[in-house]
C-alpha atoms as a PDB file:
ATOM      1  CA  MET A   1     -89.394 -35.920 156.372  1.00  0.00           C
ATOM      2  CA  TYR A   2     -89.304 -39.163 158.410  1.00  0.00           C
ATOM      3  CA  GLU A   3     -89.354 -42.220 156.362  1.00  0.00           C
ATOM      4  CA  SER A   4     -92.328 -44.798 157.837  1.00  0.00           C
ATOM      5  CA  ARG A   5     -92.907 -47.981 158.940  1.00  0.00           C
ATOM      6  CA  ARG A   6     -95.248 -49.908 156.243  1.00  0.00           C
ATOM      7  CA  GLY A   7     -98.705 -50.109 158.385  1.00  0.00           C
ATOM      8  CA  ARG A   8     -98.217 -47.722 161.176  1.00  0.00           C
ATOM      9  CA  VAL A   9    -100.913 -45.353 159.129  1.00  0.00           C
ATOM     10  CA  THR A  10    -104.992 -44.809 159.935  1.00  0.00           C
ATOM     11  CA  GLU A  11    -106.220 -45.207 156.235  1.00  0.00           C
ATOM     12  CA  GLN A  12    -108.869 -42.693 156.400  1.00  0.00           C
ATOM     13  CA  TYR A  13    -106.565 -40.155 157.671  1.00  0.00           C
ATOM     14  CA  GLY A  14    -103.462 -41.118 155.811  1.00  0.00           C
ATOM     15  CA  ALA A  15    -102.177 -38.389 153.806  1.00  0.00           C
ATOM     16  CA  PRO A  16    -100.715 -39.193 149.773  1.00  0.00           C
ATOM     17  CA  GLU A  17     -97.027 -38.790 150.289  1.00  0.00           C
ATOM     18  CA  LEU A  18     -97.294 -41.855 153.165  1.00  0.00           C
ATOM     19  CA  PHE A  19     -99.543 -44.471 150.693  1.00  0.00           C
ATOM     20  CA  LEU A  20     -96.848 -43.414 147.733  1.00  0.00           C
ATOM     21  CA  HIS A  21     -94.002 -43.436 149.176  1.00  0.00           C
ATOM     22  CA  ASP A  22     -93.708 -44.069 153.274  1.00  0.00           C
ATOM     23  CA  GLN A  23     -92.637 -40.546 154.245  1.00  0.00           C
ATOM     24  CA  TYR A  24     -94.937 -37.823 156.158  1.00  0.00           C
ATOM     25  CA  SER A  25     -93.929 -34.691 157.586  1.00  0.00           C
ATOM     26  CA  LYS A  26     -96.179 -32.295 159.868  1.00  0.00           C
ATOM     27  CA  LYS A  27     -97.715 -31.043 156.941  1.00  0.00           C
ATOM     28  CA  SER A  28     -99.130 -35.068 157.274  1.00  0.00           C
ATOM     29  CA  ASP A  29    -100.630 -35.177 160.080  1.00  0.00           C
ATOM     30  CA  ILE A  30    -102.253 -31.406 158.731  1.00  0.00           C
ATOM     31  CA  TRP A  31    -103.755 -33.218 156.018  1.00  0.00           C
ATOM     32  CA  SER A  32    -105.058 -35.903 158.573  1.00  0.00           C
ATOM     33  CA  PHE A  33    -106.519 -32.490 160.758  1.00  0.00           C
ATOM     34  CA  GLY A  34    -108.537 -31.947 156.807  1.00  0.00           C
ATOM     35  CA  CYS A  35    -110.044 -35.314 156.610  1.00  0.00           C
ATOM     36  CA  ILE A  36    -111.596 -34.849 160.491  1.00  0.00           C
ATOM     37  CA  LEU A  37    -112.392 -31.667 159.824  1.00  0.00           C
ATOM     38  CA  PHE A  38    -113.947 -32.843 157.419  1.00  0.00           C
ATOM     39  CA  GLU A  39    -116.152 -35.861 158.972  1.00  0.00           C
ATOM     40  CA  ALA A  40    -116.563 -33.321 161.655  1.00  0.00           C
ATOM     41  CA  VAL A  41    -118.628 -30.880 159.180  1.00  0.00           C
ATOM     42  CA  SER A  42    -120.412 -32.802 157.447  1.00  0.00           C
ATOM     43  CA  ALA A  43    -121.558 -34.998 160.486  1.00  0.00           C
ATOM     44  CA  CYS A  44    -124.995 -34.539 160.307  1.00  0.00           C
ATOM     45  CA  LEU A  45    -124.762 -36.016 157.326  1.00  0.00           C
ATOM     46  CA  ASP A  46    -123.404 -38.862 156.489  1.00  0.00           C
ATOM     47  CA  ARG A  47    -120.721 -38.928 158.197  1.00  0.00           C
ATOM     48  CA  GLY A  48    -119.326 -38.219 154.994  1.00  0.00           C
ATOM     49  CA  ARG A  49    -115.093 -38.677 154.291  1.00  0.00           C
ATOM     50  CA  PRO A  50    -112.930 -36.965 152.031  1.00  0.00           C
ATOM     51  CA  PHE A  51    -111.585 -39.623 150.628  1.00  0.00           C
ATOM     52  CA  SER A  52    -113.229 -43.349 150.265  1.00  0.00           C
ATOM     53  CA  SER A  53    -110.218 -45.832 150.111  1.00  0.00           C
ATOM     54  CA  ILE A  54    -106.625 -45.406 149.531  1.00  0.00           C
ATOM     55  CA  TYR A  55    -107.129 -45.955 145.500  1.00  0.00           C
ATOM     56  CA  ALA A  56    -109.243 -42.572 146.460  1.00  0.00           C
ATOM     57  CA  VAL A  57    -106.397 -40.220 148.060  1.00  0.00           C
ATOM     58  CA  THR A  58    -103.815 -41.658 145.765  1.00  0.00           C
ATOM     59  CA  SER A  59    -105.191 -40.839 142.992  1.00  0.00           C
ATOM     60  CA  TYR A  60    -106.430 -37.341 144.237  1.00  0.00           C
ATOM     61  CA  TYR A  61    -102.454 -36.869 144.920  1.00  0.00           C
ATOM     62  CA  SER A  62    -101.930 -37.627 141.148  1.00  0.00           C
ATOM     63  CA  ASN A  63    -104.401 -36.374 138.969  1.00  0.00           C
ATOM     64  CA  SER A  64    -104.421 -31.996 138.584  1.00  0.00           C
ATOM     65  CA  SER A  65    -107.801 -32.855 137.363  1.00  0.00           C
ATOM     66  CA  ILE A  66    -109.441 -34.014 140.002  1.00  0.00           C
ATOM     67  CA  PRO A  67    -110.939 -31.138 142.525  1.00  0.00           C
ATOM     68  CA  PRO A  68    -109.841 -31.060 146.477  1.00  0.00           C
ATOM     69  CA  PRO A  69    -113.475 -32.191 148.967  1.00  0.00           C
ATOM     70  CA  ARG A  70    -115.917 -29.518 149.082  1.00  0.00           C
ATOM     71  CA  ILE A  71    -119.177 -28.857 151.117  1.00  0.00           C
ATOM     72  CA  SER A  72    -121.762 -27.790 148.859  1.00  0.00           C
ATOM     73  CA  TRP A  73    -125.536 -27.955 148.297  1.00  0.00           C
ATOM     74  CA  GLU A  74    -124.829 -31.308 146.086  1.00  0.00           C
ATOM     75  CA  THR A  75    -122.922 -32.749 149.443  1.00  0.00           C
ATOM     76  CA  VAL A  76    -125.347 -32.228 151.959  1.00  0.00           C
ATOM     77  CA  GLY A  77    -127.991 -33.196 149.787  1.00  0.00           C
ATOM     78  CA  SER A  78    -130.082 -30.569 149.129  1.00  0.00           C
ATOM     79  CA  THR A  79    -131.035 -27.422 146.866  1.00  0.00           C
ATOM     80  CA  PRO A  80    -130.905 -23.456 148.172  1.00  0.00           C
ATOM     81  CA  ARG A  81    -134.652 -23.762 146.456  1.00  0.00           C
ATOM     82  CA  LEU A  82    -135.754 -25.886 149.229  1.00  0.00           C
ATOM     83  CA  ILE A  83    -135.353 -23.368 152.105  1.00  0.00           C
ATOM     84  CA  PRO A  84    -137.562 -20.766 152.746  1.00  0.00           C
ATOM     85  CA  MET A  85    -136.948 -17.121 151.536  1.00  0.00           C
ATOM     86  CA  SER A  86    -137.674 -16.388 155.980  1.00  0.00           C
ATOM     87  CA  ALA A  87    -134.989 -18.244 156.282  1.00  0.00           C
ATOM     88  CA  ARG A  88    -132.508 -16.536 153.314  1.00  0.00           C
ATOM     89  CA  PRO A  89    -130.632 -14.510 155.911  1.00  0.00           C
ATOM     90  CA  MET A  90    -129.217 -18.065 157.391  1.00  0.00           C
ATOM     91  CA  ARG A  91    -128.509 -19.550 153.848  1.00  0.00           C
ATOM     92  CA  ASP A  92    -126.270 -16.965 152.866  1.00  0.00           C
ATOM     93  CA  ARG A  93    -124.869 -17.368 156.068  1.00  0.00           C
ATOM     94  CA  ALA A  94    -124.361 -21.440 155.584  1.00  0.00           C
ATOM     95  CA  GLU A  95    -122.741 -20.414 152.007  1.00  0.00           C
ATOM     96  CA  LEU A  96    -120.497 -18.597 153.631  1.00  0.00           C
ATOM     97  CA  HIS A  97    -118.919 -21.203 156.018  1.00  0.00           C
ATOM     98  CA  TRP A  98    -119.023 -23.443 153.114  1.00  0.00           C
ATOM     99  CA  GLN A  99    -116.744 -20.988 151.027  1.00  0.00           C
ATOM    100  CA  ASN A 100    -114.400 -20.274 153.970  1.00  0.00           C
ATOM    101  CA  LEU A 101    -114.367 -24.073 154.660  1.00  0.00           C
ATOM    102  CA  ASN A 102    -113.751 -24.975 150.952  1.00  0.00           C
ATOM    103  CA  VAL A 103    -110.949 -22.405 150.781  1.00  0.00           C
ATOM    104  CA  ILE A 104    -109.192 -24.502 154.473  1.00  0.00           C
ATOM    105  CA  PHE A 105    -110.212 -28.075 152.048  1.00  0.00           C
ATOM    106  CA  GLU A 106    -108.475 -26.707 149.649  1.00  0.00           C
ATOM    107  CA  ALA A 107    -105.069 -25.423 151.298  1.00  0.00           C
ATOM    108  CA  LEU A 108    -105.299 -28.293 153.919  1.00  0.00           C
ATOM    109  CA  PHE A 109    -105.654 -31.394 151.265  1.00  0.00           C
ATOM    110  CA  HIS A 110    -102.507 -29.242 149.316  1.00  0.00           C
ATOM    111  CA  ARG A 111    -101.186 -31.864 146.662  1.00  0.00           C
ATOM    112  CA  ASP A 112     -98.162 -29.939 148.161  1.00  0.00           C
ATOM    113  CA  PRO A 113     -96.680 -31.091 151.171  1.00  0.00           C
ATOM    114  CA  ASN A 114     -95.101 -28.063 151.988  1.00  0.00           C
ATOM    115  CA  LYS A 115     -97.658 -25.418 150.464  1.00  0.00           C
ATOM    116  CA  ARG A 116     -99.791 -26.832 153.045  1.00  0.00           C
ATOM    117  CA  PRO A 117    -100.577 -24.272 155.884  1.00  0.00           C
ATOM    118  CA  LYS A 118     -98.720 -24.247 159.120  1.00  0.00           C
ATOM    119  CA  PRO A 119    -100.531 -24.228 162.384  1.00  0.00           C
ATOM    120  CA  ARG A 120    -100.618 -20.485 162.888  1.00  0.00           C
ATOM    121  CA  ILE A 121    -102.170 -19.789 159.440  1.00  0.00           C
ATOM    122  CA  LEU A 122    -104.741 -22.208 159.669  1.00  0.00           C
ATOM    123  CA  ILE A 123    -105.864 -21.165 163.480  1.00  0.00           C
ATOM    124  CA  LYS A 124    -106.460 -17.597 161.260  1.00  0.00           C
ATOM    125  CA  TYR A 125    -108.468 -19.312 158.053  1.00  0.00           C
ATOM    126  CA  ILE A 126    -110.586 -20.809 161.696  1.00  0.00           C
ATOM    127  CA  GLN A 127    -111.326 -17.604 163.390  1.00  0.00           C
ATOM    128  CA  ASP A 128    -111.994 -15.967 160.189  1.00  0.00           C
ATOM    129  CA  CYS A 129    -114.787 -18.580 160.313  1.00  0.00           C
ATOM    130  CA  GLN A 130    -115.729 -18.588 163.008  1.00  0.00           C
ATOM    131  CA  GLU A 131    -116.484 -14.424 163.008  1.00  0.00           C
ATOM    132  CA  ASN A 132    -118.575 -14.578 159.201  1.00  0.00           C
ATOM    133  CA  ARG A 133    -115.269 -13.353 157.817  1.00  0.00           C
ATOM    134  CA  PRO A 134    -114.353 -14.132 154.425  1.00  0.00           C
ATOM    135  CA  ILE A 135    -110.688 -15.449 154.317  1.00  0.00           C
ATOM    136  CA  GLN A 136    -107.954 -14.526 152.883  1.00  0.00           C
ATOM    137  CA  ARG A 137    -105.140 -16.928 151.298  1.00  0.00           C
ATOM    138  CA  GLN A 138    -101.676 -16.661 153.129  1.00  0.00           C
ATOM    139  CA  GLN A 139     -98.346 -18.114 151.999  1.00  0.00           C
ATOM    140  CA  THR A 140     -97.403 -21.170 154.190  1.00  0.00           C
END
C-alpha cells in the first residue's frame, strides 16, 4: 500500500480505500478499471456510472448488504418480454454476456483490495466473455 496526497484522485474512479484511508495499491487501479468498464458497457444507455458519488462508494464499502454494480434488464431499462421471439437467440447471448460481466464486476469491486483479480486473471475473464464461455471465478 502507498500513501496518497489528499485531493489526488478522480472521484468517479477512486477506490474506497483511497477515500477512507488515503491508501492505494495496484488493486486500486483494478477498481478504477471496473468503473471505466462499467461506463463503457452502459455507454449506449446513459453513460451510467457504477457509483454516483464518493458517498456511494464508501457506503458500498462499509455495508456488505449492498450488492456490487450489475448489468440487468432493469439497468438497460427494458424487460425480456419486449424482445420478439425471433430475436430470442440474441437475447440469450446478451444475458450470457451480462452474467459474465456481472462476475467481472463482482471481482473488480470486491471490498477487500487483496481479493480483486490480478491483471492476468482479469484478461482471462474478458477472453472467456468474448468467446461466450461462462466465467469461472479464480483465486486472486
